[in-house]
Amino acid sequence: MGYRTLFLVVTIFALEITGCEGTIGRSDARRGNDPSNPGDPDLPVDMTRPALSSCDSFEPAAPFVYASKVKTLLTGLGLSSEELDGLTANPDVLRSQIDGWLDMPQADEKLRRFFQTAFQQDGYEEQALVDLWGYSNFQMGRLSDGTSVDDAFIRTFEESFARSVLDIVRADRPFTDALTTRTVYLTTAQMVGLALSDDREIDDDEDRSYNRSRSMIEQLVYTTENIPLSQTLNPSSPNWMRFTIPAEGLPGGCGGEAVKTNGDLVRAAFAALFGYYTNNDGCMQDNYRTTPLIGEDAFFDWRPVTFRTPGSGEEPTMFWEVDAMRGSNDLVLRVSRVGFMTTPAF
C-alpha cells in the first residue's frame, strides 16, 4: 500500500468516526447522564447497537468541516481560504490537496510522532538506556545549550524507528517492511551506544563482562593537552585512551594530567566520549560534566544505517571507532537486529 493510499484510508476512518456529530453511543450515554451511576442512563439507548452506529441518518459534512479535519490530522495546520474555495468549487480536488499536504514538512513531523506511538517507541526512559549497556546507572555531560546529553540521547532512540517507518511509507514500500527491515535511521551517537551494547555480555546469572574491549584498555589518562580525538581512539596511537579535558576539570595539583587505573575503564572511556569524566585515583573531582567529545552534531546527523553481522574474518564495530561510524551507512554487530521489535526503544 502506498503512503497516499494508506493515509486516504486513515482520512476516511477519521471522517467516519466524526461524521455523525452530536450523537451519543452506549458508553457516552452512561457517562453523560449520571457519573455516579454510569450503568443507568436516563436517555433511551438501544443496548444492542454498537456505540459508533447510533445515527439513524447520515448527512454529508460540508467541505470546510471534512477538509479542515483532514489537513489538521496530516499537518497540524488549518485550511486556507484558497484551499476551501477550490474544494467548494470542485470536491474532486481533495485528492490532490491531500497529496500536497503530505508533501509538506509539517506532515513529516506529524507522521513521525504518530509512528513513535504506533510502534511503541515513545516510552523510552533513562533506566532503559542504562539497561542497554548493562549498567545500574550511568552519567553523561551536557550540550552547549545546557541540555543534558542523556535527555537528547533518549529522544534520538524514540525518534529512530519512526523516521525509518516514514522512509518506508514515503518510498511506497510494503508496510510489512517495518517487521523485517535491517535498515534504521540512526545518529553517530546511537551507533556508538549500540556498538558498546553489542560488546557487553550478561549471562544467565547476571554476571556482566565485555567481549573484546576490556582487554584493550589498561588505563585512561585525562589531560589538558589538546589531543585529536582520532588519536585518543586509535589503539595504535601513543595517545590511545588519552582524553582531553578542560583545565577546570582538573585540580591544580594534578599538573594538567590525571591517570585512571581503577574501576570499569571501558565504562569510563565511553562516558568521556559523552562528556562525563569520573574520578581517577583521587587527582580530580569525583565527576565533571562538559560537552561530549564526539561532538554535538553526532546526536543529530540522521541517516539510514543497515545492521549486519560480521563476515568471514571480520570483527564487530567497536564503540571507539567513531570516525569510521561517522562516514558509514552500516553497523557490524554480533547480535542481529531485525524490525521494530529489536529496537532499543520497543
C-alpha atoms as a PDB file:
ATOM      1  CA  MET A   1       0.000   0.000   0.000  1.00  0.00           C
ATOM      2  CA  GLY A   2       1.459   3.376  -0.997  1.00  0.00           C
ATOM      3  CA  TYR A   3       1.588   6.151   1.540  1.00  0.00           C
ATOM      4  CA  ARG A   4      -1.108   8.176  -0.218  1.00  0.00           C
ATOM      5  CA  THR A   5      -3.434   5.168  -0.212  1.00  0.00           C
ATOM      6  CA  LEU A   6      -2.552   4.495   3.423  1.00  0.00           C
ATOM      7  CA  PHE A   7      -3.476   7.975   4.503  1.00  0.00           C
ATOM      8  CA  LEU A   8      -6.578   8.063   2.369  1.00  0.00           C
ATOM      9  CA  VAL A   9      -7.738   5.098   4.470  1.00  0.00           C
ATOM     10  CA  VAL A  10      -6.769   6.953   7.651  1.00  0.00           C
ATOM     11  CA  THR A  11      -8.641  10.010   6.422  1.00  0.00           C
ATOM     12  CA  ILE A  12     -11.785   8.018   5.637  1.00  0.00           C
ATOM     13  CA  PHE A  13     -11.624   6.465   9.102  1.00  0.00           C
ATOM     14  CA  ALA A  14     -11.278   9.906  10.678  1.00  0.00           C
ATOM     15  CA  LEU A  15     -14.308  11.144   8.758  1.00  0.00           C
ATOM     16  CA  GLU A  16     -16.349   8.058   9.593  1.00  0.00           C
ATOM     17  CA  ILE A  17     -15.864   8.369  13.334  1.00  0.00           C
ATOM     18  CA  THR A  18     -16.709  12.077  13.292  1.00  0.00           C
ATOM     19  CA  GLY A  19     -19.394  12.104  10.602  1.00  0.00           C
ATOM     20  CA  CYS A  20     -22.347  11.801  12.975  1.00  0.00           C
ATOM     21  CA  GLU A  21     -21.706  14.695  15.309  1.00  0.00           C
ATOM     22  CA  GLY A  22     -23.779  15.246  18.411  1.00  0.00           C
ATOM     23  CA  THR A  23     -24.817  11.607  18.800  1.00  0.00           C
ATOM     24  CA  ILE A  24     -24.302   9.524  21.895  1.00  0.00           C
ATOM     25  CA  GLY A  25     -23.255   5.884  21.928  1.00  0.00           C
ATOM     26  CA  ARG A  26     -23.807   3.434  24.740  1.00  0.00           C
ATOM     27  CA  SER A  27     -20.730   4.275  26.794  1.00  0.00           C
ATOM     28  CA  ASP A  28     -21.067   8.027  26.228  1.00  0.00           C
ATOM     29  CA  ALA A  29     -24.723   7.983  27.287  1.00  0.00           C
ATOM     30  CA  ARG A  30     -23.846   6.224  30.511  1.00  0.00           C
ATOM     31  CA  ARG A  31     -21.148   8.740  31.339  1.00  0.00           C
ATOM     32  CA  GLY A  32     -23.108  11.809  30.245  1.00  0.00           C
ATOM     33  CA  ASN A  33     -26.193  11.381  32.429  1.00  0.00           C
ATOM     34  CA  ASP A  34     -25.063  10.425  35.878  1.00  0.00           C
ATOM     35  CA  PRO A  35     -21.337   9.959  36.519  1.00  0.00           C
ATOM     36  CA  SER A  36     -22.100   8.485  39.934  1.00  0.00           C
ATOM     37  CA  ASN A  37     -24.278   5.781  38.347  1.00  0.00           C
ATOM     38  CA  PRO A  38     -22.874   5.105  34.879  1.00  0.00           C
ATOM     39  CA  GLY A  39     -24.833   1.887  34.443  1.00  0.00           C
ATOM     40  CA  ASP A  40     -28.307   3.504  34.449  1.00  0.00           C
ATOM     41  CA  PRO A  41     -28.640   6.227  31.761  1.00  0.00           C
ATOM     42  CA  ASP A  42     -31.731   8.432  31.674  1.00  0.00           C
ATOM     43  CA  LEU A  43     -31.760   8.634  27.880  1.00  0.00           C
ATOM     44  CA  PRO A  44     -33.223   5.682  25.978  1.00  0.00           C
ATOM     45  CA  VAL A  45     -30.347   3.772  24.399  1.00  0.00           C
ATOM     46  CA  ASP A  46     -30.572   0.656  22.248  1.00  0.00           C
ATOM     47  CA  MET A  47     -28.133  -1.595  24.117  1.00  0.00           C
ATOM     48  CA  THR A  48     -27.879  -3.985  21.158  1.00  0.00           C
ATOM     49  CA  ARG A  49     -26.326  -1.386  18.849  1.00  0.00           C
ATOM     50  CA  PRO A  50     -22.604  -0.516  18.704  1.00  0.00           C
ATOM     51  CA  ALA A  51     -21.728   2.888  20.091  1.00  0.00           C
ATOM     52  CA  LEU A  52     -20.416   4.196  16.764  1.00  0.00           C
ATOM     53  CA  SER A  53     -23.535   3.254  14.782  1.00  0.00           C
ATOM     54  CA  SER A  54     -26.058   5.223  16.838  1.00  0.00           C
ATOM     55  CA  CYS A  55     -27.023   7.550  13.940  1.00  0.00           C
ATOM     56  CA  ASP A  56     -30.391   6.996  12.286  1.00  0.00           C
ATOM     57  CA  SER A  57     -29.431   9.090   9.263  1.00  0.00           C
ATOM     58  CA  PHE A  58     -26.328  10.381   7.546  1.00  0.00           C
ATOM     59  CA  GLU A  59     -25.721  13.924   6.415  1.00  0.00           C
ATOM     60  CA  PRO A  60     -22.516  14.622   4.483  1.00  0.00           C
ATOM     61  CA  ALA A  61     -20.202  17.110   6.135  1.00  0.00           C
ATOM     62  CA  ALA A  62     -19.519  20.440   4.494  1.00  0.00           C
ATOM     63  CA  PRO A  63     -16.165  20.856   2.673  1.00  0.00           C
ATOM     64  CA  PHE A  64     -14.846  23.165   5.377  1.00  0.00           C
ATOM     65  CA  VAL A  65     -15.563  20.541   8.042  1.00  0.00           C
ATOM     66  CA  TYR A  66     -14.020  17.470   6.423  1.00  0.00           C
ATOM     67  CA  ALA A  67     -11.123  19.247   4.702  1.00  0.00           C
ATOM     68  CA  SER A  68     -10.139  21.030   7.902  1.00  0.00           C
ATOM     69  CA  LYS A  69     -10.117  17.742   9.788  1.00  0.00           C
ATOM     70  CA  VAL A  70      -8.018  16.030   7.134  1.00  0.00           C
ATOM     71  CA  LYS A  71      -5.421  18.791   6.848  1.00  0.00           C
ATOM     72  CA  THR A  72      -5.138  19.189  10.614  1.00  0.00           C
ATOM     73  CA  LEU A  73      -4.774  15.427  11.016  1.00  0.00           C
ATOM     74  CA  LEU A  74      -1.954  15.287   8.452  1.00  0.00           C
ATOM     75  CA  THR A  75      -0.099  18.557   9.107  1.00  0.00           C
ATOM     76  CA  GLY A  76      -1.446  20.260  12.215  1.00  0.00           C
ATOM     77  CA  LEU A  77      -2.275  23.303  10.076  1.00  0.00           C
ATOM     78  CA  GLY A  78      -5.579  24.983   9.317  1.00  0.00           C
ATOM     79  CA  LEU A  79      -7.317  25.110   5.955  1.00  0.00           C
ATOM     80  CA  SER A  80      -6.526  28.182   3.842  1.00  0.00           C
ATOM     81  CA  SER A  81      -9.231  30.208   2.125  1.00  0.00           C
ATOM     82  CA  GLU A  82      -7.760  29.322  -1.283  1.00  0.00           C
ATOM     83  CA  GLU A  83      -7.940  25.604  -0.481  1.00  0.00           C
ATOM     84  CA  LEU A  84     -11.537  25.933   0.704  1.00  0.00           C
ATOM     85  CA  ASP A  85     -12.565  27.885  -2.395  1.00  0.00           C
ATOM     86  CA  GLY A  86     -11.024  25.271  -4.676  1.00  0.00           C
ATOM     87  CA  LEU A  87     -12.666  22.407  -2.806  1.00  0.00           C
ATOM     88  CA  THR A  88     -16.062  24.117  -2.739  1.00  0.00           C
ATOM     89  CA  ALA A  89     -15.904  24.629  -6.492  1.00  0.00           C
ATOM     90  CA  ASN A  90     -14.766  21.058  -7.166  1.00  0.00           C
ATOM     91  CA  PRO A  91     -14.804  18.417  -4.389  1.00  0.00           C
ATOM     92  CA  ASP A  92     -12.626  16.147  -6.542  1.00  0.00           C
ATOM     93  CA  VAL A  93      -9.558  18.304  -5.816  1.00  0.00           C
ATOM     94  CA  LEU A  94      -9.404  16.835  -2.298  1.00  0.00           C
ATOM     95  CA  ARG A  95      -7.181  14.005  -3.531  1.00  0.00           C
ATOM     96  CA  SER A  96      -4.587  16.389  -4.970  1.00  0.00           C
ATOM     97  CA  GLN A  97      -4.832  18.562  -1.860  1.00  0.00           C
ATOM     98  CA  ILE A  98      -4.051  15.534   0.306  1.00  0.00           C
ATOM     99  CA  ASP A  99      -1.040  14.797  -1.907  1.00  0.00           C
ATOM    100  CA  GLY A 100       0.166  18.349  -1.382  1.00  0.00           C
ATOM    101  CA  TRP A 101      -0.375  18.252   2.380  1.00  0.00           C
ATOM    102  CA  LEU A 102       1.547  15.002   2.656  1.00  0.00           C
ATOM    103  CA  ASP A 103       4.484  16.608   0.855  1.00  0.00           C
ATOM    104  CA  MET A 104       4.723  19.398   3.451  1.00  0.00           C
ATOM    105  CA  PRO A 105       7.493  19.244   6.090  1.00  0.00           C
ATOM    106  CA  GLN A 106       4.836  19.554   8.798  1.00  0.00           C
ATOM    107  CA  ALA A 107       3.428  16.217   7.635  1.00  0.00           C
ATOM    108  CA  ASP A 108       6.765  14.524   8.305  1.00  0.00           C
ATOM    109  CA  GLU A 109       6.722  15.775  11.887  1.00  0.00           C
ATOM    110  CA  LYS A 110       3.142  14.645  12.457  1.00  0.00           C
ATOM    111  CA  LEU A 111       3.767  11.229  10.923  1.00  0.00           C
ATOM    112  CA  ARG A 112       6.935  10.669  12.945  1.00  0.00           C
ATOM    113  CA  ARG A 113       5.041  11.396  16.138  1.00  0.00           C
ATOM    114  CA  PHE A 114       2.270   9.036  15.033  1.00  0.00           C
ATOM    115  CA  PHE A 115       4.719   6.224  14.243  1.00  0.00           C
ATOM    116  CA  GLN A 116       6.529   6.737  17.553  1.00  0.00           C
ATOM    117  CA  THR A 117       3.282   5.926  19.314  1.00  0.00           C
ATOM    118  CA  ALA A 118       2.089   3.243  16.896  1.00  0.00           C
ATOM    119  CA  PHE A 119       5.330   1.259  17.220  1.00  0.00           C
ATOM    120  CA  GLN A 120       5.596   1.835  20.987  1.00  0.00           C
ATOM    121  CA  GLN A 121       8.785   3.870  20.780  1.00  0.00           C
ATOM    122  CA  ASP A 122       7.645   6.842  22.862  1.00  0.00           C
ATOM    123  CA  GLY A 123       8.082   5.424  26.369  1.00  0.00           C
ATOM    124  CA  TYR A 124      11.876   5.188  26.410  1.00  0.00           C
ATOM    125  CA  GLU A 125      13.317   6.256  29.755  1.00  0.00           C
ATOM    126  CA  GLU A 126      16.750   6.824  31.243  1.00  0.00           C
ATOM    127  CA  GLN A 127      16.834   3.465  33.022  1.00  0.00           C
ATOM    128  CA  ALA A 128      16.078   1.667  29.755  1.00  0.00           C
ATOM    129  CA  LEU A 129      19.033   3.461  28.185  1.00  0.00           C
ATOM    130  CA  VAL A 130      21.254   2.367  31.071  1.00  0.00           C
ATOM    131  CA  ASP A 131      19.957  -1.206  30.773  1.00  0.00           C
ATOM    132  CA  LEU A 132      21.040  -1.204  27.133  1.00  0.00           C
ATOM    133  CA  TRP A 133      24.645  -1.206  28.358  1.00  0.00           C
ATOM    134  CA  GLY A 134      24.120  -3.473  31.337  1.00  0.00           C
ATOM    135  CA  TYR A 135      24.864  -0.814  33.962  1.00  0.00           C
ATOM    136  CA  SER A 136      22.920   0.022  37.104  1.00  0.00           C
ATOM    137  CA  ASN A 137      23.353   3.744  36.433  1.00  0.00           C
ATOM    138  CA  PHE A 138      25.199   5.999  34.029  1.00  0.00           C
ATOM    139  CA  GLN A 139      26.048   9.685  33.750  1.00  0.00           C
ATOM    140  CA  MET A 140      26.650  11.910  30.729  1.00  0.00           C
ATOM    141  CA  GLY A 141      27.657  15.503  30.108  1.00  0.00           C
ATOM    142  CA  ARG A 142      25.675  18.401  28.703  1.00  0.00           C
ATOM    143  CA  LEU A 143      25.225  20.128  25.364  1.00  0.00           C
ATOM    144  CA  SER A 144      26.275  23.738  24.827  1.00  0.00           C
ATOM    145  CA  ASP A 145      22.694  24.942  25.380  1.00  0.00           C
ATOM    146  CA  GLY A 146      22.631  23.265  28.798  1.00  0.00           C
ATOM    147  CA  THR A 147      20.542  20.278  27.684  1.00  0.00           C
ATOM    148  CA  SER A 148      21.523  17.053  29.395  1.00  0.00           C
ATOM    149  CA  VAL A 149      23.205  14.701  26.933  1.00  0.00           C
ATOM    150  CA  ASP A 150      21.191  11.737  28.189  1.00  0.00           C
ATOM    151  CA  ASP A 151      17.921  13.604  27.520  1.00  0.00           C
ATOM    152  CA  ALA A 152      18.988  14.310  23.937  1.00  0.00           C
ATOM    153  CA  PHE A 153      20.204  10.730  23.566  1.00  0.00           C
ATOM    154  CA  ILE A 154      16.899   9.268  24.764  1.00  0.00           C
ATOM    155  CA  ARG A 155      14.980  11.391  22.256  1.00  0.00           C
ATOM    156  CA  THR A 156      17.051  10.012  19.378  1.00  0.00           C
ATOM    157  CA  PHE A 157      16.126   6.452  20.318  1.00  0.00           C
ATOM    158  CA  GLU A 158      12.448   7.425  20.474  1.00  0.00           C
ATOM    159  CA  GLU A 159      12.626   9.018  17.024  1.00  0.00           C
ATOM    160  CA  SER A 160      14.844   6.449  15.348  1.00  0.00           C
ATOM    161  CA  PHE A 161      12.390   3.833  14.147  1.00  0.00           C
ATOM    162  CA  ALA A 162       9.637   6.368  13.458  1.00  0.00           C
ATOM    163  CA  ARG A 163      11.972   8.008  10.939  1.00  0.00           C
ATOM    164  CA  SER A 164      12.622   4.588   9.437  1.00  0.00           C
ATOM    165  CA  VAL A 165       8.922   3.793   9.009  1.00  0.00           C
ATOM    166  CA  LEU A 166       8.312   7.193   7.466  1.00  0.00           C
ATOM    167  CA  ASP A 167      11.025   6.382   4.937  1.00  0.00           C
ATOM    168  CA  ILE A 168       9.291   3.077   4.162  1.00  0.00           C
ATOM    169  CA  VAL A 169       5.982   4.863   3.635  1.00  0.00           C
ATOM    170  CA  ARG A 170       7.475   7.666   1.536  1.00  0.00           C
ATOM    171  CA  ALA A 171       9.164   5.144  -0.745  1.00  0.00           C
ATOM    172  CA  ASP A 172       5.868   3.259  -1.268  1.00  0.00           C
ATOM    173  CA  ARG A 173       7.471   0.095   0.071  1.00  0.00           C
ATOM    174  CA  PRO A 174       5.303  -2.634   1.648  1.00  0.00           C
ATOM    175  CA  PHE A 175       4.343  -1.629   5.167  1.00  0.00           C
ATOM    176  CA  THR A 176       5.361  -5.105   6.328  1.00  0.00           C
ATOM    177  CA  ASP A 177       8.965  -3.941   5.869  1.00  0.00           C
ATOM    178  CA  ALA A 178       8.596  -2.465   9.357  1.00  0.00           C
ATOM    179  CA  LEU A 179       8.767  -6.046  10.647  1.00  0.00           C
ATOM    180  CA  THR A 180      11.689  -7.214   8.528  1.00  0.00           C
ATOM    181  CA  THR A 181      13.898  -4.213   7.816  1.00  0.00           C
ATOM    182  CA  ARG A 182      17.529  -4.212   8.876  1.00  0.00           C
ATOM    183  CA  THR A 183      17.933  -0.553   7.950  1.00  0.00           C
ATOM    184  CA  VAL A 184      17.108   2.019  10.613  1.00  0.00           C
ATOM    185  CA  TYR A 185      17.709   5.747  10.869  1.00  0.00           C
ATOM    186  CA  LEU A 186      20.477   6.381  13.394  1.00  0.00           C
ATOM    187  CA  THR A 187      22.845   9.105  14.537  1.00  0.00           C
ATOM    188  CA  THR A 188      26.556   8.601  15.098  1.00  0.00           C
ATOM    189  CA  ALA A 189      25.961   8.792  18.860  1.00  0.00           C
ATOM    190  CA  GLN A 190      23.441   5.955  18.642  1.00  0.00           C
ATOM    191  CA  MET A 191      25.857   3.841  16.617  1.00  0.00           C
ATOM    192  CA  VAL A 192      28.500   4.342  19.320  1.00  0.00           C
ATOM    193  CA  GLY A 193      25.998   3.321  22.004  1.00  0.00           C
ATOM    194  CA  LEU A 194      24.828   0.245  20.120  1.00  0.00           C
ATOM    195  CA  ALA A 195      28.419  -0.829  19.471  1.00  0.00           C
ATOM    196  CA  LEU A 196      29.123  -0.771  23.217  1.00  0.00           C
ATOM    197  CA  SER A 197      25.907  -2.667  23.925  1.00  0.00           C
ATOM    198  CA  ASP A 198      26.921  -5.310  21.394  1.00  0.00           C
ATOM    199  CA  ASP A 199      30.271  -5.835  23.152  1.00  0.00           C
ATOM    200  CA  ARG A 200      28.593  -6.132  26.560  1.00  0.00           C
ATOM    201  CA  GLU A 201      27.776  -9.620  27.822  1.00  0.00           C
ATOM    202  CA  ILE A 202      25.310 -10.569  30.564  1.00  0.00           C
ATOM    203  CA  ASP A 203      24.925 -14.269  31.345  1.00  0.00           C
ATOM    204  CA  ASP A 204      22.016 -16.128  32.936  1.00  0.00           C
ATOM    205  CA  ASP A 205      23.443 -15.462  36.405  1.00  0.00           C
ATOM    206  CA  GLU A 206      23.505 -11.695  35.732  1.00  0.00           C
ATOM    207  CA  ASP A 207      27.308 -11.712  35.586  1.00  0.00           C
ATOM    208  CA  ARG A 208      28.480  -8.869  33.360  1.00  0.00           C
ATOM    209  CA  SER A 209      31.586  -8.657  31.215  1.00  0.00           C
ATOM    210  CA  TYR A 210      32.917  -7.337  27.917  1.00  0.00           C
ATOM    211  CA  ASN A 211      33.717  -9.419  24.877  1.00  0.00           C
ATOM    212  CA  ARG A 212      36.746  -7.536  23.485  1.00  0.00           C
ATOM    213  CA  SER A 213      37.026  -4.013  24.838  1.00  0.00           C
ATOM    214  CA  ARG A 214      38.157  -4.710  28.424  1.00  0.00           C
ATOM    215  CA  SER A 215      41.396  -6.406  27.387  1.00  0.00           C
ATOM    216  CA  MET A 216      42.290  -3.466  25.146  1.00  0.00           C
ATOM    217  CA  ILE A 217      42.069  -0.693  27.767  1.00  0.00           C
ATOM    218  CA  GLU A 218      44.649  -0.774  30.562  1.00  0.00           C
ATOM    219  CA  GLN A 219      44.314   2.803  31.775  1.00  0.00           C
ATOM    220  CA  LEU A 220      42.782   6.179  30.964  1.00  0.00           C
ATOM    221  CA  VAL A 221      44.588   9.499  31.042  1.00  0.00           C
ATOM    222  CA  TYR A 222      42.718  12.779  31.435  1.00  0.00           C
ATOM    223  CA  THR A 223      44.882  15.630  30.209  1.00  0.00           C
ATOM    224  CA  THR A 224      44.645  19.322  29.422  1.00  0.00           C
ATOM    225  CA  GLU A 225      46.853  18.664  26.393  1.00  0.00           C
ATOM    226  CA  ASN A 226      44.944  19.134  23.146  1.00  0.00           C
ATOM    227  CA  ILE A 227      44.891  15.639  21.659  1.00  0.00           C
ATOM    228  CA  PRO A 228      42.890  14.917  18.484  1.00  0.00           C
ATOM    229  CA  LEU A 229      40.061  12.509  19.210  1.00  0.00           C
ATOM    230  CA  SER A 230      41.190  10.367  16.282  1.00  0.00           C
ATOM    231  CA  GLN A 231      44.422   9.650  18.185  1.00  0.00           C
ATOM    232  CA  THR A 232      42.659   9.101  21.515  1.00  0.00           C
ATOM    233  CA  LEU A 233      40.532   6.409  19.894  1.00  0.00           C
ATOM    234  CA  ASN A 234      43.258   4.759  17.816  1.00  0.00           C
ATOM    235  CA  PRO A 235      44.651   1.623  19.536  1.00  0.00           C
ATOM    236  CA  SER A 236      47.876   2.001  17.522  1.00  0.00           C
ATOM    237  CA  SER A 237      48.500   5.603  18.610  1.00  0.00           C
ATOM    238  CA  PRO A 238      50.732   6.541  21.585  1.00  0.00           C
ATOM    239  CA  ASN A 239      47.802   8.766  22.624  1.00  0.00           C
ATOM    240  CA  TRP A 240      45.403   5.805  22.877  1.00  0.00           C
ATOM    241  CA  MET A 241      42.887   6.466  25.673  1.00  0.00           C
ATOM    242  CA  ARG A 242      44.354   9.906  26.475  1.00  0.00           C
ATOM    243  CA  PHE A 243      41.292  12.150  26.766  1.00  0.00           C
ATOM    244  CA  THR A 244      41.452  15.928  26.544  1.00  0.00           C
ATOM    245  CA  ILE A 245      39.624  17.602  29.428  1.00  0.00           C
ATOM    246  CA  PRO A 246      39.124  21.342  30.089  1.00  0.00           C
ATOM    247  CA  ALA A 247      41.595  22.718  32.640  1.00  0.00           C
ATOM    248  CA  GLU A 248      38.780  23.480  35.085  1.00  0.00           C
ATOM    249  CA  GLY A 249      38.100  19.751  35.295  1.00  0.00           C
ATOM    250  CA  LEU A 250      41.494  19.007  36.860  1.00  0.00           C
ATOM    251  CA  PRO A 251      42.674  20.394  40.221  1.00  0.00           C
ATOM    252  CA  GLY A 252      45.872  22.439  40.134  1.00  0.00           C
ATOM    253  CA  GLY A 253      47.828  19.762  41.968  1.00  0.00           C
ATOM    254  CA  CYS A 254      47.328  17.295  39.135  1.00  0.00           C
ATOM    255  CA  GLY A 255      49.828  19.066  36.900  1.00  0.00           C
ATOM    256  CA  GLY A 256      47.473  19.033  33.935  1.00  0.00           C
ATOM    257  CA  GLU A 257      47.189  15.262  33.801  1.00  0.00           C
ATOM    258  CA  ALA A 258      45.495  12.506  35.767  1.00  0.00           C
ATOM    259  CA  VAL A 259      45.673   8.757  35.326  1.00  0.00           C
ATOM    260  CA  LYS A 260      42.744   6.425  35.967  1.00  0.00           C
ATOM    261  CA  THR A 261      43.525   2.758  36.581  1.00  0.00           C
ATOM    262  CA  ASN A 262      40.688   1.680  38.889  1.00  0.00           C
ATOM    263  CA  GLY A 263      37.085   0.731  38.246  1.00  0.00           C
ATOM    264  CA  ASP A 264      35.399  -0.096  34.961  1.00  0.00           C
ATOM    265  CA  LEU A 265      37.737   1.519  32.441  1.00  0.00           C
ATOM    266  CA  VAL A 266      35.540   0.680  29.457  1.00  0.00           C
ATOM    267  CA  ARG A 267      32.621   2.446  31.059  1.00  0.00           C
ATOM    268  CA  ALA A 268      34.818   5.439  31.951  1.00  0.00           C
ATOM    269  CA  ALA A 269      36.133   5.717  28.380  1.00  0.00           C
ATOM    270  CA  PHE A 270      32.627   5.504  26.959  1.00  0.00           C
ATOM    271  CA  ALA A 271      31.402   8.144  29.421  1.00  0.00           C
ATOM    272  CA  ALA A 272      34.230  10.509  28.437  1.00  0.00           C
ATOM    273  CA  LEU A 273      33.040  10.397  24.829  1.00  0.00           C
ATOM    274  CA  PHE A 274      29.705  11.691  26.075  1.00  0.00           C
ATOM    275  CA  GLY A 275      31.165  14.461  28.241  1.00  0.00           C
ATOM    276  CA  TYR A 276      31.416  12.815  31.662  1.00  0.00           C
ATOM    277  CA  TYR A 277      34.713  12.245  33.487  1.00  0.00           C
ATOM    278  CA  THR A 278      34.791  10.032  36.564  1.00  0.00           C
ATOM    279  CA  ASN A 279      37.185  10.249  39.493  1.00  0.00           C
ATOM    280  CA  ASN A 280      40.668   8.937  38.786  1.00  0.00           C
ATOM    281  CA  ASP A 281      42.597   7.746  41.801  1.00  0.00           C
ATOM    282  CA  GLY A 282      41.980  10.957  43.719  1.00  0.00           C
ATOM    283  CA  CYS A 283      43.535  13.501  41.352  1.00  0.00           C
ATOM    284  CA  MET A 284      40.343  15.259  40.298  1.00  0.00           C
ATOM    285  CA  GLN A 285      36.835  15.941  41.475  1.00  0.00           C
ATOM    286  CA  ASP A 286      34.521  12.940  41.716  1.00  0.00           C
ATOM    287  CA  ASN A 287      32.781  13.852  38.480  1.00  0.00           C
ATOM    288  CA  TYR A 288      32.981  16.519  35.838  1.00  0.00           C
ATOM    289  CA  ARG A 289      30.454  17.228  33.093  1.00  0.00           C
ATOM    290  CA  THR A 290      31.186  19.034  29.854  1.00  0.00           C
ATOM    291  CA  THR A 291      30.254  18.896  26.172  1.00  0.00           C
ATOM    292  CA  PRO A 292      30.636  15.461  24.535  1.00  0.00           C
ATOM    293  CA  LEU A 293      33.952  14.691  22.867  1.00  0.00           C
ATOM    294  CA  ILE A 294      32.213  13.052  19.931  1.00  0.00           C
ATOM    295  CA  GLY A 295      30.666  16.444  19.109  1.00  0.00           C
ATOM    296  CA  GLU A 296      27.126  17.717  19.389  1.00  0.00           C
ATOM    297  CA  ASP A 297      26.499  17.054  15.706  1.00  0.00           C
ATOM    298  CA  ALA A 298      26.808  13.326  16.458  1.00  0.00           C
ATOM    299  CA  PHE A 299      23.342  13.487  18.072  1.00  0.00           C
ATOM    300  CA  PHE A 300      21.630  14.981  15.023  1.00  0.00           C
ATOM    301  CA  ASP A 301      23.344  13.531  11.915  1.00  0.00           C
ATOM    302  CA  TRP A 302      20.462  11.225  10.968  1.00  0.00           C
ATOM    303  CA  ARG A 303      20.935   8.718   8.146  1.00  0.00           C
ATOM    304  CA  PRO A 304      19.779   5.197   7.230  1.00  0.00           C
ATOM    305  CA  VAL A 305      22.106   2.577   8.720  1.00  0.00           C
ATOM    306  CA  THR A 306      21.953  -1.127   7.898  1.00  0.00           C
ATOM    307  CA  PHE A 307      22.665  -3.666  10.636  1.00  0.00           C
ATOM    308  CA  ARG A 308      24.663  -6.712   9.612  1.00  0.00           C
ATOM    309  CA  THR A 309      26.621  -9.465  11.315  1.00  0.00           C
ATOM    310  CA  PRO A 310      30.385  -9.875  10.740  1.00  0.00           C
ATOM    311  CA  GLY A 311      31.570 -11.565   7.584  1.00  0.00           C
ATOM    312  CA  SER A 312      34.374 -14.124   7.460  1.00  0.00           C
ATOM    313  CA  GLY A 313      37.407 -12.740   9.303  1.00  0.00           C
ATOM    314  CA  GLU A 314      35.575  -9.509  10.157  1.00  0.00           C
ATOM    315  CA  GLU A 315      35.263  -8.098  13.680  1.00  0.00           C
ATOM    316  CA  PRO A 316      32.197  -6.275  15.034  1.00  0.00           C
ATOM    317  CA  THR A 317      32.329  -2.490  15.233  1.00  0.00           C
ATOM    318  CA  MET A 318      33.840  -1.226  18.498  1.00  0.00           C
ATOM    319  CA  PHE A 319      32.475   1.844  20.262  1.00  0.00           C
ATOM    320  CA  TRP A 320      35.722   3.799  19.851  1.00  0.00           C
ATOM    321  CA  GLU A 321      35.597   3.567  16.045  1.00  0.00           C
ATOM    322  CA  VAL A 322      33.787   6.905  15.968  1.00  0.00           C
ATOM    323  CA  ASP A 323      35.386   8.305  12.816  1.00  0.00           C
ATOM    324  CA  ALA A 324      34.538   5.151  10.867  1.00  0.00           C
ATOM    325  CA  MET A 325      30.942   5.242  12.079  1.00  0.00           C
ATOM    326  CA  ARG A 326      30.526   8.909  11.153  1.00  0.00           C
ATOM    327  CA  GLY A 327      31.016   8.141   7.494  1.00  0.00           C
ATOM    328  CA  SER A 328      29.291   4.769   7.416  1.00  0.00           C
ATOM    329  CA  ASN A 329      25.838   3.552   6.496  1.00  0.00           C
ATOM    330  CA  ASP A 330      26.234   0.139   8.063  1.00  0.00           C
ATOM    331  CA  LEU A 331      26.930  -1.150  11.559  1.00  0.00           C
ATOM    332  CA  VAL A 332      28.529  -4.537  12.154  1.00  0.00           C
ATOM    333  CA  LEU A 333      27.158  -6.198  15.305  1.00  0.00           C
ATOM    334  CA  ARG A 334      27.296  -9.694  16.758  1.00  0.00           C
ATOM    335  CA  VAL A 335      23.601  -9.561  17.654  1.00  0.00           C
ATOM    336  CA  SER A 336      21.228  -9.445  14.709  1.00  0.00           C
ATOM    337  CA  ARG A 337      18.672  -6.615  14.749  1.00  0.00           C
ATOM    338  CA  VAL A 338      15.615  -7.050  12.531  1.00  0.00           C
ATOM    339  CA  GLY A 339      12.450  -4.943  12.518  1.00  0.00           C
ATOM    340  CA  PHE A 340      10.931  -2.745  15.178  1.00  0.00           C
ATOM    341  CA  MET A 341      10.781  -5.447  17.865  1.00  0.00           C
ATOM    342  CA  THR A 342      14.591  -5.413  18.173  1.00  0.00           C
ATOM    343  CA  THR A 343      14.824  -1.633  18.536  1.00  0.00           C
ATOM    344  CA  PRO A 344      16.108  -0.455  21.943  1.00  0.00           C
ATOM    345  CA  ALA A 345      13.030   1.737  22.485  1.00  0.00           C
ATOM    346  CA  PHE A 346      10.484  -1.068  21.958  1.00  0.00           C
END
